[in-house]
Amino acid sequence: MKYSSAAKKLIPKLRKLWDNDDYVKGIITFAKSDKNIIKISHFIDMSHHMGKKITADDISYLLEVLENES
């Protein structure tokens, strides 16, 4: 599978949350756009910056919100 540069930057961040190929591929696939991939990446970065622990489930919930915005 060929990934955009935004997706390539997101992959290691997702793997830190859950090192599972299906999870990582699923998040990127369902994000559907670089815009959503970048939002997910920023959410992870800001959570770490604020000292908030997030989980793979949090990213899944965020993805649901982004899908409903479209």
PDB file of N, CA and C in Angstrom:
ATOM      1  N   MET A   1       0.844  -1.184   0.000  1.00  0.00           N
ATOM      2  CA  MET A   1       0.000   0.000   0.000  1.00  0.00           C
ATOM      3  C   MET A   1       0.884   1.240   0.000  1.00  0.00           C
ATOM      4  N   LYS A   2       0.564   2.180  -0.841  1.00  0.00           N
ATOM      5  CA  LYS A   2       1.337   3.406  -0.939  1.00  0.00           C
ATOM      6  C   LYS A   2       0.689   4.474  -0.046  1.00  0.00           C
ATOM      7  N   TYR A   3       1.495   5.086   0.805  1.00  0.00           N
ATOM      8  CA  TYR A   3       0.996   6.080   1.753  1.00  0.00           C
ATOM      9  C   TYR A   3       1.511   7.479   1.423  1.00  0.00           C
ATOM     10  N   SER A   4       0.700   8.470   1.731  1.00  0.00           N
ATOM     11  CA  SER A   4       1.115   9.867   1.580  1.00  0.00           C
ATOM     12  C   SER A   4       2.153  10.186   2.649  1.00  0.00           C
ATOM     13  N   SER A   5       2.801  11.330   2.509  1.00  0.00           N
ATOM     14  CA  SER A   5       3.804  11.722   3.509  1.00  0.00           C
ATOM     15  C   SER A   5       3.144  11.945   4.873  1.00  0.00           C
ATOM     16  N   ALA A   6       1.911  12.451   4.890  1.00  0.00           N
ATOM     17  CA  ALA A   6       1.197  12.654   6.163  1.00  0.00           C
ATOM     18  C   ALA A   6       0.928  11.310   6.837  1.00  0.00           C
ATOM     19  N   ALA A   7       0.525  10.319   6.058  1.00  0.00           N
ATOM     20  CA  ALA A   7       0.256   8.986   6.605  1.00  0.00           C
ATOM     21  C   ALA A   7       1.545   8.347   7.123  1.00  0.00           C
ATOM     22  N   LYS A   8       2.628   8.527   6.384  1.00  0.00           N
ATOM     23  CA  LYS A   8       3.920   7.975   6.812  1.00  0.00           C
ATOM     24  C   LYS A   8       4.362   8.560   8.150  1.00  0.00           C
ATOM     25  N   LYS A   9       4.045   9.822   8.393  1.00  0.00           N
ATOM     26  CA  LYS A   9       4.392  10.452   9.675  1.00  0.00           C
ATOM     27  C   LYS A   9       3.484   9.954  10.800  1.00  0.00           C
ATOM     28  N   LEU A  10       2.261   9.596  10.460  1.00  0.00           N
ATOM     29  CA  LEU A  10       1.305   9.131  11.458  1.00  0.00           C
ATOM     30  C   LEU A  10       1.562   7.686  11.884  1.00  0.00           C
ATOM     31  N   ILE A  11       2.061   6.865  11.007  1.00  0.00           N
ATOM     32  CA  ILE A  11       2.234   5.435  11.281  1.00  0.00           C
ATOM     33  C   ILE A  11       2.997   5.163  12.584  1.00  0.00           C
ATOM     34  N   PRO A  12       4.171   5.747  12.818  1.00  0.00           N
ATOM     35  CA  PRO A  12       4.875   5.437  14.069  1.00  0.00           C
ATOM     36  C   PRO A  12       4.111   5.912  15.316  1.00  0.00           C
ATOM     37  N   LYS A  13       3.354   6.988  15.180  1.00  0.00           N
ATOM     38  CA  LYS A  13       2.560   7.481  16.309  1.00  0.00           C
ATOM     39  C   LYS A  13       1.459   6.489  16.651  1.00  0.00           C
ATOM     40  N   LEU A  14       0.822   5.931  15.626  1.00  0.00           N
ATOM     41  CA  LEU A  14      -0.222   4.939  15.857  1.00  0.00           C
ATOM     42  C   LEU A  14       0.361   3.651  16.426  1.00  0.00           C
ATOM     43  N   ARG A  15       1.530   3.263  15.936  1.00  0.00           N
ATOM     44  CA  ARG A  15       2.165   2.038  16.431  1.00  0.00           C
ATOM     45  C   ARG A  15       2.540   2.147  17.905  1.00  0.00           C
ATOM     46  N   LYS A  16       2.835   3.345  18.377  1.00  0.00           N
ATOM     47  CA  LYS A  16       3.130   3.527  19.807  1.00  0.00           C
ATOM     48  C   LYS A  16       1.879   3.298  20.648  1.00  0.00           C
ATOM     49  N   LEU A  17       0.707   3.575  20.066  1.00  0.00           N
ATOM     50  CA  LEU A  17      -0.543   3.355  20.783  1.00  0.00           C
ATOM     51  C   LEU A  17      -0.938   1.887  20.754  1.00  0.00           C
ATOM     52  N   TRP A  18      -0.782   1.266  19.589  1.00  0.00           N
ATOM     53  CA  TRP A  18      -1.113  -0.158  19.447  1.00  0.00           C
ATOM     54  C   TRP A  18      -0.360  -0.683  18.236  1.00  0.00           C
ATOM     55  N   ASP A  19       0.599  -1.540  18.477  1.00  0.00           N
ATOM     56  CA  ASP A  19       1.441  -2.084  17.414  1.00  0.00           C
ATOM     57  C   ASP A  19       0.711  -3.241  16.725  1.00  0.00           C
ATOM     58  N   ASN A  20      -0.229  -2.862  15.873  1.00  0.00           N
ATOM     59  CA  ASN A  20      -1.064  -3.833  15.177  1.00  0.00           C
ATOM     60  C   ASN A  20      -1.285  -3.326  13.757  1.00  0.00           C
ATOM     61  N   ASP A  21      -0.864  -4.122  12.783  1.00  0.00           N
ATOM     62  CA  ASP A  21      -0.956  -3.703  11.374  1.00  0.00           C
ATOM     63  C   ASP A  21      -2.383  -3.364  10.953  1.00  0.00           C
ATOM     64  N   ASP A  22      -3.348  -4.196  11.355  1.00  0.00           N
ATOM     65  CA  ASP A  22      -4.741  -3.957  10.959  1.00  0.00           C
ATOM     66  C   ASP A  22      -5.253  -2.636  11.526  1.00  0.00           C
ATOM     67  N   TYR A  23      -4.879  -2.325  12.777  1.00  0.00           N
ATOM     68  CA  TYR A  23      -5.291  -1.061  13.397  1.00  0.00           C
ATOM     69  C   TYR A  23      -4.715   0.123  12.626  1.00  0.00           C
ATOM     70  N   VAL A  24      -3.431   0.088  12.373  1.00  0.00           N
ATOM     71  CA  VAL A  24      -2.755   1.200  11.691  1.00  0.00           C
ATOM     72  C   VAL A  24      -3.330   1.400  10.285  1.00  0.00           C
ATOM     73  N   LYS A  25      -3.444   0.318   9.528  1.00  0.00           N
ATOM     74  CA  LYS A  25      -3.991   0.410   8.167  1.00  0.00           C
ATOM     75  C   LYS A  25      -5.442   0.876   8.193  1.00  0.00           C
ATOM     76  N   GLY A  26      -6.201   0.387   9.167  1.00  0.00           N
ATOM     77  CA  GLY A  26      -7.611   0.761   9.276  1.00  0.00           C
ATOM     78  C   GLY A  26      -7.797   2.236   9.559  1.00  0.00           C
ATOM     79  N   ILE A  27      -7.026   2.778  10.488  1.00  0.00           N
ATOM     80  CA  ILE A  27      -7.137   4.203  10.812  1.00  0.00           C
ATOM     81  C   ILE A  27      -6.813   5.038   9.583  1.00  0.00           C
ATOM     82  N   ILE A  28      -5.743   4.713   8.906  1.00  0.00           N
ATOM     83  CA  ILE A  28      -5.339   5.489   7.731  1.00  0.00           C
ATOM     84  C   ILE A  28      -6.374   5.353   6.611  1.00  0.00           C
ATOM     85  N   THR A  29      -6.884   4.163   6.404  1.00  0.00           N
ATOM     86  CA  THR A  29      -7.883   3.948   5.356  1.00  0.00           C
ATOM     87  C   THR A  29      -9.166   4.706   5.651  1.00  0.00           C
ATOM     88  N   PHE A  30      -9.666   4.594   6.882  1.00  0.00           N
ATOM     89  CA  PHE A  30     -10.936   5.236   7.219  1.00  0.00           C
ATOM     90  C   PHE A  30     -10.814   6.748   7.391  1.00  0.00           C
ATOM     91  N   ALA A  31      -9.585   7.248   7.579  1.00  0.00           N
ATOM     92  CA  ALA A  31      -9.384   8.702   7.660  1.00  0.00           C
ATOM     93  C   ALA A  31      -9.734   9.350   6.317  1.00  0.00           C
ATOM     94  N   LYS A  32      -9.494   8.631   5.232  1.00  0.00           N
ATOM     95  CA  LYS A  32      -9.905   9.005   3.876  1.00  0.00           C
ATOM     96  C   LYS A  32      -9.204  10.208   3.262  1.00  0.00           C
ATOM     97  N   SER A  33      -8.600  11.076   4.054  1.00  0.00           N
ATOM     98  CA  SER A  33      -7.950  12.253   3.471  1.00  0.00           C
ATOM     99  C   SER A  33      -6.749  12.655   4.304  1.00  0.00           C
ATOM    100  N   ASP A  34      -5.812  13.333   3.645  1.00  0.00           N
ATOM    101  CA  ASP A  34      -4.655  13.847   4.385  1.00  0.00           C
ATOM    102  C   ASP A  34      -5.094  14.851   5.445  1.00  0.00           C
ATOM    103  N   LYS A  35      -6.158  15.574   5.175  1.00  0.00           N
ATOM    104  CA  LYS A  35      -6.661  16.542   6.147  1.00  0.00           C
ATOM    105  C   LYS A  35      -7.010  15.835   7.462  1.00  0.00           C
ATOM    106  N   ASN A  36      -7.713  14.717   7.379  1.00  0.00           N
ATOM    107  CA  ASN A  36      -8.071  13.973   8.587  1.00  0.00           C
ATOM    108  C   ASN A  36      -6.860  13.300   9.221  1.00  0.00           C
ATOM    109  N   ILE A  37      -5.954  12.812   8.393  1.00  0.00           N
ATOM    110  CA  ILE A  37      -4.728  12.196   8.915  1.00  0.00           C
ATOM    111  C   ILE A  37      -3.924  13.219   9.701  1.00  0.00           C
ATOM    112  N   ILE A  38      -3.835  14.421   9.187  1.00  0.00           N
ATOM    113  CA  ILE A  38      -3.103  15.493   9.879  1.00  0.00           C
ATOM    114  C   ILE A  38      -3.807  15.867  11.181  1.00  0.00           C
ATOM    115  N   LYS A  39      -5.132  15.896  11.185  1.00  0.00           N
ATOM    116  CA  LYS A  39      -5.874  16.183  12.424  1.00  0.00           C
ATOM    117  C   LYS A  39      -5.588  15.122  13.484  1.00  0.00           C
ATOM    118  N   ILE A  40      -5.564  13.880  13.083  1.00  0.00           N
ATOM    119  CA  ILE A  40      -5.261  12.792  14.018  1.00  0.00           C
ATOM    120  C   ILE A  40      -3.841  12.947  14.559  1.00  0.00           C
ATOM    121  N   SER A  41      -2.915  13.234  13.681  1.00  0.00           N
ATOM    122  CA  SER A  41      -1.521  13.415  14.080  1.00  0.00           C
ATOM    123  C   SER A  41      -1.376  14.575  15.060  1.00  0.00           C
ATOM    124  N   HIS A  42      -2.051  15.680  14.786  1.00  0.00           N
ATOM    125  CA  HIS A  42      -1.998  16.837  15.693  1.00  0.00           C
ATOM    126  C   HIS A  42      -2.631  16.518  17.039  1.00  0.00           C
ATOM    127  N   PHE A  43      -3.716  15.752  17.029  1.00  0.00           N
ATOM    128  CA  PHE A  43      -4.365  15.345  18.276  1.00  0.00           C
ATOM    129  C   PHE A  43      -3.395  14.543  19.146  1.00  0.00           C
ATOM    130  N   ILE A  44      -2.681  13.609  18.528  1.00  0.00           N
ATOM    131  CA  ILE A  44      -1.701  12.805  19.269  1.00  0.00           C
ATOM    132  C   ILE A  44      -0.594  13.699  19.810  1.00  0.00           C
ATOM    133  N   ASP A  45      -0.060  14.588  18.972  1.00  0.00           N
ATOM    134  CA  ASP A  45       1.014  15.492  19.399  1.00  0.00           C
ATOM    135  C   ASP A  45       0.573  16.392  20.546  1.00  0.00           C
ATOM    136  N   MET A  46      -0.609  16.974  20.433  1.00  0.00           N
ATOM    137  CA  MET A  46      -1.099  17.882  21.473  1.00  0.00           C
ATOM    138  C   MET A  46      -1.376  17.133  22.777  1.00  0.00           C
ATOM    139  N   SER A  47      -1.873  15.922  22.674  1.00  0.00           N
ATOM    140  CA  SER A  47      -2.126  15.121  23.870  1.00  0.00           C
ATOM    141  C   SER A  47      -0.824  14.851  24.614  1.00  0.00           C
ATOM    142  N   HIS A  48       0.216  14.496  23.871  1.00  0.00           N
ATOM    143  CA  HIS A  48       1.522  14.258  24.497  1.00  0.00           C
ATOM    144  C   HIS A  48       2.074  15.549  25.081  1.00  0.00           C
ATOM    145  N   HIS A  49       1.931  16.637  24.360  1.00  0.00           N
ATOM    146  CA  HIS A  49       2.422  17.938  24.827  1.00  0.00           C
ATOM    147  C   HIS A  49       1.735  18.345  26.137  1.00  0.00           C
ATOM    148  N   MET A  50       0.453  18.024  26.249  1.00  0.00           N
ATOM    149  CA  MET A  50      -0.317  18.374  27.445  1.00  0.00           C
ATOM    150  C   MET A  50      -0.183  17.331  28.550  1.00  0.00           C
ATOM    151  N   GLY A  51       0.544  16.275  28.281  1.00  0.00           N
ATOM    152  CA  GLY A  51       0.730  15.233  29.283  1.00  0.00           C
ATOM    153  C   GLY A  51      -0.480  14.339  29.473  1.00  0.00           C
ATOM    154  N   LYS A  52      -1.331  14.275  28.471  1.00  0.00           N
ATOM    155  CA  LYS A  52      -2.537  13.451  28.530  1.00  0.00           C
ATOM    156  C   LYS A  52      -2.252  12.093  27.900  1.00  0.00           C
ATOM    157  N   LYS A  53      -2.599  11.049  28.608  1.00  0.00           N
ATOM    158  CA  LYS A  53      -2.426   9.698  28.061  1.00  0.00           C
ATOM    159  C   LYS A  53      -3.626   9.372  27.189  1.00  0.00           C
ATOM    160  N   ILE A  54      -3.340   8.966  25.970  1.00  0.00           N
ATOM    161  CA  ILE A  54      -4.416   8.572  25.064  1.00  0.00           C
ATOM    162  C   ILE A  54      -4.223   7.106  24.687  1.00  0.00           C
ATOM    163  N   THR A  55      -5.283   6.518  24.189  1.00  0.00           N
ATOM    164  CA  THR A  55      -5.246   5.112  23.806  1.00  0.00           C
ATOM    165  C   THR A  55      -5.646   4.965  22.337  1.00  0.00           C
ATOM    166  N   ALA A  56      -5.498   3.755  21.844  1.00  0.00           N
ATOM    167  CA  ALA A  56      -5.936   3.450  20.482  1.00  0.00           C
ATOM    168  C   ALA A  56      -7.433   3.706  20.346  1.00  0.00           C
ATOM    169  N   ASP A  57      -8.182   3.439  21.403  1.00  0.00           N
ATOM    170  CA  ASP A  57      -9.624   3.693  21.374  1.00  0.00           C
ATOM    171  C   ASP A  57      -9.931   5.171  21.186  1.00  0.00           C
ATOM    172  N   ASP A  58      -9.150   6.041  21.817  1.00  0.00           N
ATOM    173  CA  ASP A  58      -9.355   7.483  21.658  1.00  0.00           C
ATOM    174  C   ASP A  58      -9.233   7.895  20.190  1.00  0.00           C
ATOM    175  N   ILE A  59      -8.269   7.324  19.506  1.00  0.00           N
ATOM    176  CA  ILE A  59      -8.073   7.648  18.091  1.00  0.00           C
ATOM    177  C   ILE A  59      -9.247   7.115  17.269  1.00  0.00           C
ATOM    178  N   SER A  60      -9.750   5.950  17.620  1.00  0.00           N
ATOM    179  CA  SER A  60     -10.918   5.407  16.924  1.00  0.00           C
ATOM    180  C   SER A  60     -12.129   6.309  17.108  1.00  0.00           C
ATOM    181  N   TYR A  61     -12.330   6.815  18.313  1.00  0.00           N
ATOM    182  CA  TYR A  61     -13.442   7.734  18.570  1.00  0.00           C
ATOM    183  C   TYR A  61     -13.271   9.033  17.788  1.00  0.00           C
ATOM    184  N   LEU A  62     -12.053   9.552  17.768  1.00  0.00           N
ATOM    185  CA  LEU A  62     -11.774  10.764  17.004  1.00  0.00           C
ATOM    186  C   LEU A  62     -12.086  10.529  15.524  1.00  0.00           C
ATOM    187  N   LEU A  63     -11.718   9.389  15.018  1.00  0.00           N
ATOM    188  CA  LEU A  63     -11.985   9.064  13.619  1.00  0.00           C
ATOM    189  C   LEU A  63     -13.482   9.058  13.338  1.00  0.00           C
ATOM    190  N   GLU A  64     -14.278   8.555  14.278  1.00  0.00           N
ATOM    191  CA  GLU A  64     -15.744   8.587  14.110  1.00  0.00           C
ATOM    192  C   GLU A  64     -16.243  10.026  13.993  1.00  0.00           C
ATOM    193  N   VAL A  65     -15.713  10.901  14.824  1.00  0.00           N
ATOM    194  CA  VAL A  65     -16.106  12.313  14.789  1.00  0.00           C
ATOM    195  C   VAL A  65     -15.734  12.913  13.433  1.00  0.00           C
ATOM    196  N   LEU A  66     -14.522  12.638  12.972  1.00  0.00           N
ATOM    197  CA  LEU A  66     -14.070  13.185  11.687  1.00  0.00           C
ATOM    198  C   LEU A  66     -14.914  12.656  10.537  1.00  0.00           C
ATOM    199  N   GLU A  67     -15.312  11.389  10.609  1.00  0.00           N
ATOM    200  CA  GLU A  67     -16.168  10.829   9.556  1.00  0.00           C
ATOM    201  C   GLU A  67     -17.528  11.535   9.519  1.00  0.00           C
ATOM    202  N   ASN A  68     -18.061  11.883  10.681  1.00  0.00           N
ATOM    203  CA  ASN A  68     -19.364  12.541  10.757  1.00  0.00           C
ATOM    204  C   ASN A  68     -19.299  13.991  10.297  1.00  0.00           C
ATOM    205  N   GLU A  69     -18.115  14.601  10.334  1.00  0.00           N
ATOM    206  CA  GLU A  69     -17.937  15.977   9.852  1.00  0.00           C
ATOM    207  C   GLU A  69     -18.012  16.035   8.329  1.00  0.00           C
ATOM    208  N   SER A  70     -17.610  14.952   7.678  1.00  0.00           N
ATOM    209  CA  SER A  70     -17.536  14.937   6.207  1.00  0.00           C
ATOM    210  C   SER A  70     -18.885  14.927   5.560  1.00  0.00           C
TER     211      SER A  70
END
